[in-house]
Amino acid sequence: MQKFISLVVIFMGLVVTTKAQTPSHETVLLETIYGTMKIKLYEETPLHKANFLKLVEAHFFDSLLFHRVINEFMIQGGDHLSKRAAKGDSLGHGDIGYTVPAEIVPKLIHKKGVLCAARESDDVNPKFASSASQFYIVMGRKRTMEELKKYEDRINKAHYTAAARAFLKTPDGARLKQTYNRLKNESKTDSAALVNAEIEKLIKAEHHKTPEYQFNEQQITTYTQFGGTPHLDGTYTVFGEVIEGLELIDKIAGVKTDERNRPLRDIRMKLSILK
């Protein structure tokens, strides 16, 4: 079961706000050979917070690897199979038997330093349920206004595609699609074109029931001045952030990796709760 982070966004018309997040009382210490960082979890994502703390208290993460790192994107770990993995083993498919329901909170965005839950891809995981153990910490980079506009366009196109898929699964959509295919097979081109136009009209109507996606002012400020990965907003659960040791992300993300983005030198972690 791959927990690789997809770059394809299907965003269901959610307009993001960015009010202040609420940090938990607990602080998690993450130690590596390159240094340490302190992480606060968010109260707005209680299921992920409770699950993460449970695993930390059980020493689940101790000696696991950061098995996938991509410079200017993120560092990922938490695959239990990485503890005893040999050099060159493919990692990222470790599963501990359950998932955590998505807690996608609009104000919690993918700025640099946030802790997020990895998950299965959209096609097999339409409700965006999170891996119970695999997580990633965002590195990202600063974005230009031109890039943000491209991300907005990508999100809106993905929403249109999602609306089309949903409509074609309805009785009316399935009927019209069947009629279109029959007319096309019968070489009745003009009639098929009319049916296809009707399908597109209904899809557009469904698509326009939600507003076009746009980054708000605080997102723009965050992504242009601080950095992050804005194209993941709204589809992955963000449940904490680094409050100390942000430079460690850059150190880990900058190491040499193989063709699967696994570091050539094993980077093991140790997590504990600071009392």
Protein backbone atom coordinates (compact mmCIF):
# COMPACT_ATOMS: atom_id res chain seq x y z
CA MET A 1 0.00 0.00 0.00
CA GLN A 2 1.81 3.10 -1.21
CA LYS A 3 1.64 6.21 0.97
CA PHE A 4 3.40 8.40 -1.57
CA ILE A 5 2.15 11.96 -1.68
CA SER A 6 0.24 12.63 -4.86
CA LEU A 7 0.76 15.88 -6.74
CA VAL A 8 -2.69 15.60 -8.32
CA VAL A 9 -5.23 17.73 -6.48
CA ILE A 10 -8.98 17.21 -6.60
CA PHE A 11 -10.22 20.17 -4.57
CA MET A 12 -13.94 20.38 -3.99
CA GLY A 13 -14.41 24.14 -4.20
CA LEU A 14 -13.31 24.92 -0.65
CA VAL A 15 -12.30 28.52 -0.03
CA VAL A 16 -9.52 28.46 2.53
CA THR A 17 -9.24 30.84 5.43
CA THR A 18 -6.18 31.04 7.65
CA LYS A 19 -7.17 31.94 11.19
CA ALA A 20 -4.66 31.21 13.93
CA GLN A 21 -4.23 27.53 14.75
CA THR A 22 -4.34 26.20 18.32
CA PRO A 23 -1.22 24.31 19.45
CA SER A 24 -1.55 21.46 21.93
CA HIS A 25 -0.03 21.46 25.39
CA GLU A 26 2.26 18.57 24.46
CA THR A 27 5.55 19.09 22.63
CA VAL A 28 7.06 16.24 20.62
CA LEU A 29 10.84 16.06 20.29
CA LEU A 30 12.14 14.52 17.04
CA GLU A 31 15.82 13.55 17.12
CA THR A 32 18.06 12.55 14.19
CA ILE A 33 21.77 12.36 13.41
CA TYR A 34 21.44 15.81 11.80
CA GLY A 35 19.87 17.50 14.83
CA THR A 36 16.56 17.84 16.61
CA MET A 37 13.28 19.66 16.22
CA LYS A 38 10.32 20.37 18.46
CA ILE A 39 6.79 19.84 17.14
CA LYS A 40 3.43 21.05 18.43
CA LEU A 41 0.25 19.25 17.39
CA TYR A 42 -3.01 21.08 16.63
CA GLU A 43 -6.11 20.89 18.80
CA GLU A 44 -8.24 21.30 15.66
CA THR A 45 -7.24 17.78 14.54
CA PRO A 46 -7.94 15.70 17.67
CA LEU A 47 -8.02 12.28 15.99
CA HIS A 48 -4.60 12.76 14.43
CA LYS A 49 -3.21 14.32 17.59
CA ALA A 50 -4.37 11.41 19.77
CA ASN A 51 -3.13 8.79 17.30
CA PHE A 52 0.29 10.43 16.89
CA LEU A 53 0.81 10.82 20.64
CA LYS A 54 -0.23 7.20 21.19
CA LEU A 55 2.41 6.00 18.74
CA VAL A 56 5.07 8.29 20.19
CA GLU A 57 4.34 7.07 23.73
CA ALA A 58 4.62 3.48 22.50
CA HIS A 59 8.04 4.29 20.95
CA PHE A 60 6.65 3.18 17.58
CA PHE A 61 8.73 5.67 15.59
CA ASP A 62 12.05 4.95 17.27
CA SER A 63 14.67 3.79 14.73
CA LEU A 64 12.34 4.26 11.73
CA LEU A 65 13.78 6.01 8.67
CA PHE A 66 13.01 9.15 6.79
CA HIS A 67 12.53 6.95 3.76
CA ARG A 68 11.49 9.56 1.17
CA VAL A 69 12.91 13.06 0.95
CA ILE A 70 12.57 15.57 -1.87
CA ASN A 71 14.40 18.86 -1.72
CA GLU A 72 12.09 21.90 -1.75
CA PHE A 73 9.10 19.59 -1.18
CA MET A 74 9.04 17.48 1.99
CA ILE A 75 10.62 14.79 4.17
CA GLN A 76 8.58 11.61 4.86
CA GLY A 77 8.82 8.82 7.43
CA GLY A 78 6.80 6.50 9.63
CA ASP A 79 6.87 3.29 7.56
CA HIS A 80 7.32 0.51 10.13
CA LEU A 81 9.02 -1.65 7.50
CA SER A 82 11.90 0.83 7.39
CA LYS A 83 13.25 -0.20 10.81
CA ARG A 84 14.95 -3.30 9.40
CA ALA A 85 15.06 -2.38 5.71
CA ALA A 86 18.15 -3.30 3.75
CA LYS A 87 19.94 -0.83 1.53
CA GLY A 88 17.98 -0.28 -1.66
CA ASP A 89 14.69 -1.71 -0.37
CA SER A 90 11.57 0.02 -1.67
CA LEU A 91 9.74 1.69 1.20
CA GLY A 92 6.52 3.63 1.68
CA HIS A 93 4.03 0.75 1.61
CA GLY A 94 4.08 -0.18 5.30
CA ASP A 95 0.61 -0.44 6.86
CA ILE A 96 -0.22 -0.91 10.56
CA GLY A 97 -3.79 -2.06 9.99
CA TYR A 98 -5.96 1.04 10.23
CA THR A 99 -6.39 4.57 8.91
CA VAL A 100 -7.38 7.84 10.55
CA PRO A 101 -10.40 9.72 9.16
CA ALA A 102 -9.44 12.93 7.36
CA GLU A 103 -9.47 16.11 9.45
CA ILE A 104 -8.91 18.69 6.74
CA VAL A 105 -9.28 22.05 8.45
CA PRO A 106 -9.35 24.98 5.99
CA LYS A 107 -7.16 27.29 8.06
CA LEU A 108 -4.38 24.69 8.40
CA ILE A 109 -2.34 25.11 5.24
CA HIS A 110 0.86 23.58 3.85
CA LYS A 111 3.30 26.27 4.97
CA LYS A 112 6.92 25.33 5.58
CA GLY A 113 7.38 23.27 8.75
CA VAL A 114 3.91 21.78 9.12
CA LEU A 115 3.39 18.12 10.03
CA CYS A 116 0.97 16.27 7.75
CA ALA A 117 -0.43 12.76 7.32
CA ALA A 118 0.49 10.74 4.24
CA ARG A 119 -2.26 8.72 2.60
CA GLU A 120 -3.32 6.48 -0.28
CA SER A 121 -4.05 8.11 -3.64
CA ASP A 122 -7.42 9.66 -4.50
CA ASP A 123 -8.58 6.86 -6.81
CA VAL A 124 -8.59 4.29 -3.98
CA ASN A 125 -9.10 6.76 -1.13
CA PRO A 126 -11.80 9.28 -2.12
CA LYS A 127 -12.40 10.34 1.50
CA PHE A 128 -8.70 11.23 1.99
CA ALA A 129 -8.27 8.95 5.03
CA SER A 130 -4.78 9.25 6.53
CA SER A 131 -2.12 6.63 7.08
CA ALA A 132 -2.02 5.81 10.77
CA SER A 133 1.77 6.12 10.96
CA GLN A 134 3.30 7.69 7.86
CA PHE A 135 3.77 11.45 7.98
CA TYR A 136 5.58 14.18 6.11
CA ILE A 137 6.99 17.54 7.13
CA VAL A 138 6.76 20.28 4.54
CA MET A 139 9.84 22.04 3.24
CA GLY A 140 8.46 23.62 0.10
CA ARG A 141 9.80 26.92 -1.20
CA LYS A 142 8.68 30.46 -1.77
CA ARG A 143 6.19 30.84 -4.62
CA THR A 144 5.57 33.62 -7.10
CA MET A 145 2.17 35.10 -7.84
CA GLU A 146 2.37 33.51 -11.28
CA GLU A 147 2.88 30.08 -9.72
CA LEU A 148 -0.04 30.58 -7.32
CA LYS A 149 -2.27 31.50 -10.26
CA LYS A 150 -1.25 28.26 -11.99
CA TYR A 151 -2.10 26.32 -8.82
CA GLU A 152 -5.52 28.00 -8.70
CA ASP A 153 -6.12 27.00 -12.32
CA ARG A 154 -5.00 23.42 -11.60
CA ILE A 155 -7.30 23.18 -8.59
CA ASN A 156 -10.28 24.51 -10.55
CA LYS A 157 -9.61 22.17 -13.49
CA ALA A 158 -9.36 19.26 -11.07
CA HIS A 159 -12.67 20.30 -9.53
CA TYR A 160 -14.26 20.32 -12.99
CA THR A 161 -12.91 16.81 -13.61
CA ALA A 162 -14.29 15.62 -10.27
CA ALA A 163 -17.69 17.17 -11.08
CA ALA A 164 -17.70 15.39 -14.45
CA ARG A 165 -16.91 12.02 -12.89
CA ALA A 166 -19.61 12.50 -10.27
CA PHE A 167 -22.23 13.51 -12.85
CA LEU A 168 -21.49 10.58 -15.14
CA LYS A 169 -22.18 8.23 -12.22
CA THR A 170 -25.70 9.63 -11.75
CA PRO A 171 -28.64 7.96 -13.56
CA ASP A 172 -29.02 10.95 -15.93
CA GLY A 173 -25.31 11.11 -16.60
CA ALA A 174 -25.03 7.39 -17.26
CA ARG A 175 -28.05 7.50 -19.57
CA LEU A 176 -26.70 10.41 -21.61
CA LYS A 177 -23.25 8.81 -21.83
CA GLN A 178 -24.80 5.56 -23.04
CA THR A 179 -26.83 7.46 -25.65
CA TYR A 180 -23.72 9.34 -26.80
CA ASN A 181 -21.73 6.11 -27.19
CA ARG A 182 -24.57 4.45 -29.12
CA LEU A 183 -24.94 7.38 -31.54
CA LYS A 184 -21.19 7.55 -32.04
CA ASN A 185 -21.02 3.82 -32.80
CA GLU A 186 -23.86 4.28 -35.30
CA SER A 187 -21.86 7.09 -36.96
CA LYS A 188 -24.61 9.61 -36.18
CA THR A 189 -22.04 12.31 -35.61
CA ASP A 190 -24.34 15.33 -35.43
CA SER A 191 -26.72 13.70 -32.95
CA ALA A 192 -23.79 12.49 -30.83
CA ALA A 193 -22.39 16.02 -30.76
CA LEU A 194 -25.71 17.39 -29.51
CA VAL A 195 -25.81 14.84 -26.70
CA ASN A 196 -22.20 15.57 -25.78
CA ALA A 197 -22.99 19.29 -25.64
CA GLU A 198 -25.84 18.55 -23.25
CA ILE A 199 -23.51 16.50 -21.05
CA GLU A 200 -20.95 19.33 -20.93
CA LYS A 201 -23.69 21.86 -20.11
CA LEU A 202 -24.88 19.80 -17.14
CA ILE A 203 -21.32 19.20 -15.91
CA LYS A 204 -20.58 22.94 -16.03
CA ALA A 205 -23.77 23.65 -14.10
CA GLU A 206 -22.67 21.20 -11.40
CA HIS A 207 -19.16 22.65 -11.40
CA HIS A 208 -20.40 26.21 -10.94
CA LYS A 209 -22.41 25.32 -7.84
CA THR A 210 -19.22 25.98 -5.89
CA PRO A 211 -17.10 29.15 -6.20
CA GLU A 212 -13.89 29.25 -8.17
CA TYR A 213 -10.93 28.55 -5.90
CA GLN A 214 -8.66 31.47 -5.02
CA PHE A 215 -5.86 31.82 -2.49
CA ASN A 216 -6.70 34.42 0.13
CA GLU A 217 -4.40 37.25 1.24
CA GLN A 218 -2.89 35.39 4.17
CA GLN A 219 -2.12 32.34 2.02
CA ILE A 220 -0.51 34.57 -0.59
CA THR A 221 1.64 36.25 2.06
CA THR A 222 2.62 32.88 3.58
CA TYR A 223 3.50 31.18 0.31
CA THR A 224 5.32 34.12 -1.28
CA GLN A 225 7.31 35.22 1.79
CA PHE A 226 7.72 32.05 3.89
CA GLY A 227 7.19 29.13 1.53
CA GLY A 228 5.35 25.83 1.40
CA THR A 229 3.49 23.48 -0.92
CA PRO A 230 0.17 25.20 -1.72
CA HIS A 231 -1.02 22.59 -4.22
CA LEU A 232 -1.60 20.09 -1.36
CA ASP A 233 -4.02 22.32 0.54
CA GLY A 234 -7.41 20.76 1.17
CA THR A 235 -6.55 17.16 0.32
CA TYR A 236 -4.14 16.08 3.08
CA THR A 237 -4.56 16.49 6.84
CA VAL A 238 -2.22 19.06 8.42
CA PHE A 239 -2.03 18.32 12.15
CA GLY A 240 1.01 20.05 13.66
CA GLU A 241 4.04 22.23 13.03
CA VAL A 242 7.70 22.57 13.88
CA ILE A 243 8.22 25.28 16.51
CA GLU A 244 11.98 24.85 16.91
CA GLY A 245 14.66 23.38 14.64
CA LEU A 246 13.17 24.33 11.29
CA GLU A 247 16.65 24.19 9.73
CA LEU A 248 16.69 20.41 10.24
CA ILE A 249 14.12 20.01 7.45
CA ASP A 250 16.48 21.64 4.95
CA LYS A 251 19.41 19.48 6.10
CA ILE A 252 17.48 16.24 5.65
CA ALA A 253 15.83 17.29 2.39
CA GLY A 254 19.21 18.18 0.92
CA VAL A 255 20.88 14.77 1.31
CA LYS A 256 21.75 12.54 -1.64
CA THR A 257 19.04 10.03 -2.56
CA ASP A 258 18.45 7.09 -4.89
CA GLU A 259 15.94 6.93 -7.75
CA ARG A 260 13.11 6.33 -5.24
CA ASN A 261 14.07 9.45 -3.23
CA ARG A 262 15.36 7.30 -0.38
CA PRO A 263 18.44 8.80 1.32
CA LEU A 264 21.63 6.90 0.51
CA ARG A 265 22.61 7.21 4.16
CA ASP A 266 19.95 5.98 6.58
CA ILE A 267 18.40 8.78 8.61
CA ARG A 268 16.75 7.27 11.67
CA MET A 269 14.42 9.09 14.03
CA LYS A 270 13.56 9.02 17.69
CA LEU A 271 10.39 10.67 18.97
CA SER A 272 9.47 11.47 22.55
CA ILE A 273 7.03 13.70 24.41
CA LEU A 274 8.53 16.54 26.39
CA LYS A 275 6.80 16.83 29.74
